[in-house]
């Protein structure tokens, strides 16, 4: 494994402050069950690192440009040697050092699905799952959006388009963009306008009234630049943005498959782990004014591309962020100890 401390540039200050003992990289094994296909993808990823096809590179903090970090985890849920840090200047939790943009592109094209999808994907079932997500988004946005024509909706990271299909069921016109052609082809069979590519490549004649990013920003190398491109597409003061990310504020109420286990939420595909405040910084620096944001780290914002902040509005105490993460780990460990004690009792 790379010595991440010694490889940090000379103007970086880095120390290790692990969340707990489980977060060291000691070949302890994955924190989640893995299929044979997933195990093979894991080996292939490690081989890419060992053979220097993928390189881990230190970056200044996206939000504050800081170079002062605390490493809080040296592995992810698949027991891959990828570090997670907290910026000690603004409190943003992020992967650092992390792969180069080209490495991520190769990873998503060649290994991502094999590593993250436990079995052969059932596209009809996936589409229905996306529809249920669309229903929740509509409930959150409610009357803020007129769901009838001529409203235009753009979904970035649309997958098979199930979420977009539900959002447009009252007549709004929708466009979805993504990179996975198998997902896109499935949605096109349902007469959805799904296109391959990124928002910067999109050619549309009508400005969207609502742009949707659900579980997308945490995968990007530069979400501020992405949001600036989104804001530029919108009408100033009119265009709306819905963003949802898996946030550190909501881990204690995470889905049952996570079960309060923080380690299961750390993954090599995530470059950022947002709180409400750190997401707010990214939204405002990306050219949006926040209307509301909740503990589940869902937000509604309005486009003002000419008002993008150059510096973060909020700075979180990194020690408080780390203490919160350690408290989550302690609660999980206490529950695990109780379960083990119960199982060890004679009948």
Protein backbone atom coordinates (compact mmCIF):
# COMPACT_ATOMS: atom_id res chain seq x y z
CA UNK A 1 0.00 0.00 0.00
CA UNK A 2 1.15 3.52 -0.75
CA UNK A 3 2.47 5.62 2.10
CA UNK A 4 -0.03 8.43 1.69
CA UNK A 5 1.65 10.62 4.30
CA UNK A 6 5.09 10.54 2.71
CA UNK A 7 3.64 11.08 -0.76
CA UNK A 8 1.84 14.29 0.21
CA UNK A 9 3.36 17.41 -1.44
CA UNK A 10 5.66 19.45 0.74
CA UNK A 11 3.17 22.28 1.18
CA UNK A 12 0.49 19.88 2.47
CA UNK A 13 0.05 19.16 6.17
CA UNK A 14 -1.43 15.70 6.78
CA UNK A 15 -1.98 13.66 9.92
CA UNK A 16 -3.83 10.42 10.65
CA UNK A 17 -6.93 10.62 12.87
CA UNK A 18 -8.80 7.39 12.09
CA UNK A 19 -12.48 7.12 12.98
CA UNK A 20 -11.68 3.81 14.66
CA UNK A 21 -9.50 0.73 14.44
CA UNK A 22 -11.65 -0.81 11.68
CA UNK A 23 -10.70 2.02 9.32
CA UNK A 24 -7.03 1.02 9.04
CA UNK A 25 -6.01 -0.90 5.91
CA UNK A 26 -4.89 -4.24 7.31
CA UNK A 27 -6.50 -6.70 4.87
CA UNK A 28 -9.31 -7.27 7.34
CA UNK A 29 -11.70 -8.10 4.52
CA UNK A 30 -14.69 -6.26 3.08
CA UNK A 31 -17.34 -4.77 5.36
CA UNK A 32 -20.09 -5.94 3.00
CA UNK A 33 -20.87 -9.34 1.44
CA UNK A 34 -19.36 -9.68 -2.03
CA UNK A 35 -20.15 -12.01 -4.92
CA UNK A 36 -17.48 -13.78 -6.94
CA UNK A 37 -17.82 -11.15 -9.67
CA UNK A 38 -17.38 -8.34 -7.15
CA UNK A 39 -14.29 -10.03 -5.68
CA UNK A 40 -12.76 -10.31 -9.14
CA UNK A 41 -13.45 -6.61 -9.79
CA UNK A 42 -11.84 -5.77 -6.44
CA UNK A 43 -8.69 -7.69 -7.40
CA UNK A 44 -8.61 -5.95 -10.77
CA UNK A 45 -8.88 -2.53 -9.11
CA UNK A 46 -6.00 -3.29 -6.74
CA UNK A 47 -3.93 -4.53 -9.69
CA UNK A 48 -4.53 -1.23 -11.48
CA UNK A 49 -3.16 0.60 -8.44
CA UNK A 50 -0.18 -1.72 -7.97
CA UNK A 51 0.76 -1.50 -11.65
CA UNK A 52 0.41 2.30 -11.57
CA UNK A 53 -2.31 2.35 -14.21
CA UNK A 54 -4.36 4.21 -11.60
CA UNK A 55 -2.52 6.86 -9.58
CA UNK A 56 -3.62 8.44 -6.31
CA UNK A 57 -2.96 12.19 -6.34
CA UNK A 58 -3.27 14.75 -3.53
CA UNK A 59 -5.54 17.74 -4.30
CA UNK A 60 -6.21 21.00 -2.47
CA UNK A 61 -9.69 21.16 -0.95
CA UNK A 62 -12.35 21.86 -3.56
CA UNK A 63 -14.18 24.36 -1.35
CA UNK A 64 -11.50 26.34 0.49
CA UNK A 65 -8.34 25.42 -1.48
CA UNK A 66 -6.84 24.25 1.80
CA UNK A 67 -3.94 21.82 2.10
CA UNK A 68 -4.36 20.81 5.73
CA UNK A 69 -5.96 17.37 6.10
CA UNK A 70 -6.67 14.63 8.60
CA UNK A 71 -6.94 11.09 7.21
CA UNK A 72 -9.95 9.45 8.89
CA UNK A 73 -10.07 6.16 6.93
CA UNK A 74 -7.49 4.20 4.97
CA UNK A 75 -9.90 1.76 3.36
CA UNK A 76 -13.43 1.57 2.02
CA UNK A 77 -16.26 -0.92 2.44
CA UNK A 78 -14.71 -3.26 -0.16
CA UNK A 79 -11.40 -3.18 1.74
CA UNK A 80 -9.77 -1.18 -1.03
CA UNK A 81 -6.79 1.01 -0.05
CA UNK A 82 -8.44 4.37 -0.70
CA UNK A 83 -8.13 7.09 1.96
CA UNK A 84 -10.81 9.46 3.18
CA UNK A 85 -9.88 12.83 4.73
CA UNK A 86 -11.37 15.84 6.44
CA UNK A 87 -10.21 19.27 5.39
CA UNK A 88 -9.00 20.86 8.63
CA UNK A 89 -9.78 24.32 7.29
CA UNK A 90 -13.43 23.98 6.19
CA UNK A 91 -14.52 20.52 7.39
CA UNK A 92 -15.36 18.98 4.00
CA UNK A 93 -15.04 15.17 4.05
CA UNK A 94 -13.46 13.95 0.82
CA UNK A 95 -11.40 11.25 -0.85
CA UNK A 96 -7.80 12.45 -0.78
CA UNK A 97 -5.48 11.50 -2.33
CA UNK A 98 -7.74 10.17 -5.08
CA UNK A 99 -7.48 8.92 -8.62
CA UNK A 100 -6.95 11.18 -11.59
CA UNK A 101 -10.03 12.11 -13.69
CA UNK A 102 -8.93 9.76 -16.49
CA UNK A 103 -8.56 6.92 -14.00
CA UNK A 104 -12.11 7.45 -12.79
CA UNK A 105 -13.34 7.41 -16.39
CA UNK A 106 -11.64 4.06 -16.96
CA UNK A 107 -12.93 2.70 -13.64
CA UNK A 108 -16.54 3.59 -14.46
CA UNK A 109 -16.21 2.14 -17.96
CA UNK A 110 -14.54 -1.15 -16.99
CA UNK A 111 -14.97 -2.03 -13.29
CA UNK A 112 -17.71 0.01 -11.63
CA UNK A 113 -20.72 -2.13 -12.51
CA UNK A 114 -18.95 -5.41 -11.68
CA UNK A 115 -17.84 -4.03 -8.30
CA UNK A 116 -21.07 -2.31 -7.26
CA UNK A 117 -23.87 -4.41 -8.77
CA UNK A 118 -24.18 -7.61 -6.77
CA UNK A 119 -25.96 -9.58 -9.50
CA UNK A 120 -27.17 -9.25 -13.06
CA UNK A 121 -29.25 -6.08 -13.15
CA UNK A 122 -32.99 -6.52 -13.62
CA UNK A 123 -33.71 -3.40 -15.69
CA UNK A 124 -37.53 -3.50 -15.34
CA UNK A 125 -37.18 -3.74 -11.55
CA UNK A 126 -34.56 -1.00 -11.58
CA UNK A 127 -36.89 1.24 -13.59
CA UNK A 128 -39.67 0.71 -11.04
CA UNK A 129 -37.25 1.52 -8.21
CA UNK A 130 -36.38 4.75 -10.01
CA UNK A 131 -40.09 5.56 -10.32
CA UNK A 132 -40.43 5.26 -6.54
CA UNK A 133 -37.52 7.67 -6.17
CA UNK A 134 -39.30 10.07 -8.54
CA UNK A 135 -42.36 9.93 -6.35
CA UNK A 136 -40.32 10.91 -3.28
CA UNK A 137 -38.70 13.79 -5.16
CA UNK A 138 -42.10 15.10 -6.26
CA UNK A 139 -43.32 14.92 -2.68
CA UNK A 140 -40.29 16.92 -1.52
CA UNK A 141 -40.63 19.58 -4.21
CA UNK A 142 -44.45 19.58 -4.09
CA UNK A 143 -45.95 22.87 -5.27
CA UNK A 144 -42.57 24.53 -5.89
CA UNK A 145 -42.73 23.00 -9.37
CA UNK A 146 -45.55 23.17 -11.92
CA UNK A 147 -45.46 19.60 -13.21
CA UNK A 148 -47.63 20.41 -16.24
CA UNK A 149 -46.61 21.64 -19.72
CA UNK A 150 -44.61 23.62 -20.70
CA UNK A 151 -42.31 22.87 -17.74
CA UNK A 152 -38.94 21.39 -18.80
CA UNK A 153 -37.02 19.00 -16.57
CA UNK A 154 -33.41 17.87 -17.03
CA UNK A 155 -32.12 14.92 -15.01
CA UNK A 156 -28.36 14.41 -14.82
CA UNK A 157 -27.44 10.80 -14.08
CA UNK A 158 -30.80 9.54 -15.28
CA UNK A 159 -29.93 5.84 -15.49
CA UNK A 160 -32.86 4.10 -17.18
CA UNK A 161 -35.05 7.19 -16.80
CA UNK A 162 -37.59 5.85 -14.30
CA UNK A 163 -37.26 8.88 -12.02
CA UNK A 164 -37.63 11.27 -14.93
CA UNK A 165 -40.64 9.34 -16.21
CA UNK A 166 -42.43 9.78 -12.88
CA UNK A 167 -41.54 13.47 -12.62
CA UNK A 168 -43.03 14.06 -16.09
CA UNK A 169 -46.24 12.06 -15.67
CA UNK A 170 -48.40 15.21 -15.57
CA UNK A 171 -47.08 16.49 -18.88
CA UNK A 172 -43.77 18.19 -18.13
CA UNK A 173 -41.18 17.60 -20.86
CA UNK A 174 -38.06 15.77 -19.74
CA UNK A 175 -34.53 15.10 -20.94
CA UNK A 176 -32.22 12.68 -19.16
CA UNK A 177 -28.46 12.31 -19.62
CA UNK A 178 -26.10 9.55 -18.54
CA UNK A 179 -23.21 7.47 -19.89
CA UNK A 180 -24.39 3.87 -19.59
CA UNK A 181 -25.87 2.96 -22.97
CA UNK A 182 -27.65 -0.16 -21.68
CA UNK A 183 -29.64 1.92 -19.19
CA UNK A 184 -30.38 4.60 -21.76
CA UNK A 185 -31.54 2.11 -24.37
CA UNK A 186 -34.02 0.62 -21.90
CA UNK A 187 -35.54 4.04 -21.18
CA UNK A 188 -35.70 4.98 -24.85
CA UNK A 189 -37.92 1.96 -25.45
CA UNK A 190 -40.39 3.75 -23.18
CA UNK A 191 -40.27 6.84 -25.41
CA UNK A 192 -38.10 8.83 -23.02
CA UNK A 193 -35.70 11.45 -24.38
CA UNK A 194 -32.47 10.02 -22.96
CA UNK A 195 -29.07 11.10 -24.27
CA UNK A 196 -25.51 9.96 -23.72
CA UNK A 197 -23.11 12.61 -22.43
CA UNK A 198 -22.41 15.24 -19.79
CA UNK A 199 -24.19 18.49 -19.09
CA UNK A 200 -21.41 20.49 -20.75
CA UNK A 201 -22.05 18.60 -24.00
CA UNK A 202 -25.82 19.06 -23.97
CA UNK A 203 -27.40 20.85 -26.92
CA UNK A 204 -30.87 22.10 -25.99
CA UNK A 205 -32.84 25.04 -27.33
CA UNK A 206 -35.08 25.59 -24.28
CA UNK A 207 -33.73 26.34 -20.81
CA UNK A 208 -34.78 23.80 -18.18
CA UNK A 209 -37.09 24.89 -15.38
CA UNK A 210 -35.79 22.16 -13.07
CA UNK A 211 -32.48 20.28 -13.05
CA UNK A 212 -32.24 17.11 -10.95
CA UNK A 213 -29.04 15.62 -9.53
CA UNK A 214 -29.73 12.62 -7.32
CA UNK A 215 -26.67 10.78 -5.96
CA UNK A 216 -24.45 12.29 -8.63
CA UNK A 217 -22.40 15.14 -7.11
CA UNK A 218 -20.61 12.84 -4.67
CA UNK A 219 -19.12 10.98 -7.64
CA UNK A 220 -17.69 14.01 -9.43
CA UNK A 221 -14.14 15.31 -9.35
CA UNK A 222 -15.30 18.96 -9.38
CA UNK A 223 -18.98 19.41 -8.45
CA UNK A 224 -18.57 23.21 -8.27
CA UNK A 225 -17.63 23.35 -11.96
CA UNK A 226 -20.50 20.99 -12.75
CA UNK A 227 -23.01 23.22 -10.97
CA UNK A 228 -21.70 26.30 -12.72
CA UNK A 229 -22.48 24.60 -16.02
CA UNK A 230 -25.95 23.72 -14.72
CA UNK A 231 -26.61 27.26 -13.50
CA UNK A 232 -25.57 28.69 -16.86
CA UNK A 233 -28.29 26.60 -18.53
CA UNK A 234 -31.02 28.04 -16.30
CA UNK A 235 -32.92 31.30 -16.42
CA UNK A 236 -31.56 33.61 -13.73
CA UNK A 237 -33.83 33.66 -10.68
CA UNK A 238 -36.19 31.13 -12.25
CA UNK A 239 -34.34 27.88 -12.89
CA UNK A 240 -34.57 25.40 -10.02
CA UNK A 241 -32.08 22.77 -8.92
CA UNK A 242 -32.83 19.64 -6.89
CA UNK A 243 -29.78 17.96 -5.36
CA UNK A 244 -29.77 14.86 -3.19
CA UNK A 245 -26.62 13.25 -1.84
CA UNK A 246 -25.92 10.51 0.72
CA UNK A 247 -24.86 12.82 3.52
CA UNK A 248 -22.91 12.39 6.71
CA UNK A 249 -25.81 14.05 8.57
CA UNK A 250 -28.08 11.10 7.73
CA UNK A 251 -25.88 8.06 8.40
CA UNK A 252 -27.60 7.28 11.70
CA UNK A 253 -30.89 6.94 9.79
CA UNK A 254 -29.36 5.21 6.76
CA UNK A 255 -31.13 2.30 5.03
CA UNK A 256 -31.21 -1.07 6.73
CA UNK A 257 -28.55 -2.46 4.37
CA UNK A 258 -26.12 -0.04 6.05
CA UNK A 259 -27.50 -0.56 9.53
CA UNK A 260 -25.76 2.43 11.04
CA UNK A 261 -22.36 1.10 9.95
CA UNK A 262 -20.36 4.11 8.78
CA UNK A 263 -17.72 1.93 7.11
CA UNK A 264 -20.34 0.57 4.71
CA UNK A 265 -20.95 4.10 3.40
CA UNK A 266 -17.29 4.71 2.47
CA UNK A 267 -16.66 3.67 -1.12
CA UNK A 268 -14.01 4.25 -3.73
CA UNK A 269 -16.54 5.74 -6.17
CA UNK A 270 -17.36 8.62 -3.81
CA UNK A 271 -15.09 11.65 -3.95
CA UNK A 272 -17.08 13.71 -1.40
CA UNK A 273 -19.22 13.07 1.68
CA UNK A 274 -21.42 16.10 2.21
CA UNK A 275 -23.07 17.58 5.26
CA UNK A 276 -25.75 20.24 4.92
CA UNK A 277 -23.18 23.00 5.36
CA UNK A 278 -20.58 21.59 2.99
CA UNK A 279 -23.22 20.94 0.32
CA UNK A 280 -24.50 24.49 0.83
CA UNK A 281 -20.98 25.79 0.14
CA UNK A 282 -20.80 23.85 -3.13
CA UNK A 283 -24.27 24.98 -4.21
CA UNK A 284 -23.51 28.66 -3.59
CA UNK A 285 -20.09 28.46 -5.23
CA UNK A 286 -21.78 26.79 -8.18
CA UNK A 287 -24.12 29.72 -8.76
CA UNK A 288 -27.27 28.82 -6.81
CA UNK A 289 -29.16 30.35 -3.92
CA UNK A 290 -30.55 27.80 -1.48
CA UNK A 291 -34.25 27.78 -0.78
CA UNK A 292 -34.13 24.83 1.62
CA UNK A 293 -31.95 21.90 2.63
CA UNK A 294 -32.78 19.12 5.11
CA UNK A 295 -31.06 16.54 7.31
CA UNK A 296 -31.32 13.92 4.55
CA UNK A 297 -29.15 16.31 2.49
CA UNK A 298 -31.83 17.04 -0.07
CA UNK A 299 -32.01 20.59 -1.34
CA UNK A 300 -33.89 23.00 -3.59
CA UNK A 301 -31.99 25.98 -4.99
CA UNK A 302 -32.53 28.77 -7.52
CA UNK A 303 -30.04 29.69 -10.26
CA UNK A 304 -28.12 32.98 -9.99
CA UNK A 305 -25.03 32.19 -12.06
CA UNK A 306 -23.73 35.76 -11.73
CA UNK A 307 -23.79 35.51 -7.92
CA UNK A 308 -21.55 32.48 -7.46
CA UNK A 309 -19.49 32.76 -4.29
CA UNK A 310 -15.73 32.55 -4.65
CA UNK A 311 -15.18 31.39 -1.07
CA UNK A 312 -17.18 29.14 1.28
CA UNK A 313 -19.82 30.73 3.49
CA UNK A 314 -19.64 27.98 6.10
CA UNK A 315 -16.61 26.50 7.80
CA UNK A 316 -17.17 23.49 10.02
CA UNK A 317 -14.82 22.58 12.86
CA UNK A 318 -13.11 19.44 11.58
CA UNK A 319 -12.75 18.16 15.13
CA UNK A 320 -16.52 18.37 15.61
CA UNK A 321 -17.09 16.58 12.28
CA UNK A 322 -14.68 13.83 13.30
CA UNK A 323 -16.26 13.56 16.76
CA UNK A 324 -19.66 13.09 15.11
CA UNK A 325 -18.34 10.32 12.88
CA UNK A 326 -16.65 8.62 15.84
CA UNK A 327 -19.92 8.80 17.77
CA UNK A 328 -21.69 7.00 14.90
CA UNK A 329 -18.98 4.33 14.96
CA UNK A 330 -19.26 3.96 18.74
CA UNK A 331 -23.04 3.51 18.52
CA UNK A 332 -22.60 0.90 15.82
CA UNK A 333 -19.96 -0.96 17.84
CA UNK A 334 -22.15 -0.88 20.95
CA UNK A 335 -24.99 -2.41 18.98
CA UNK A 336 -22.70 -5.03 17.45
CA UNK A 337 -21.37 -5.94 20.90
CA UNK A 338 -24.95 -6.33 22.17
CA UNK A 339 -25.80 -8.59 19.22
CA UNK A 340 -22.72 -10.74 19.81
CA UNK A 341 -23.56 -11.04 23.52
CA UNK A 342 -27.11 -12.09 22.71
CA UNK A 343 -25.92 -14.72 20.23
CA UNK A 344 -23.42 -16.13 22.73
CA UNK A 345 -26.02 -16.75 25.45
CA UNK A 346 -27.10 -20.39 25.87
CA UNK A 347 -30.71 -21.15 24.92
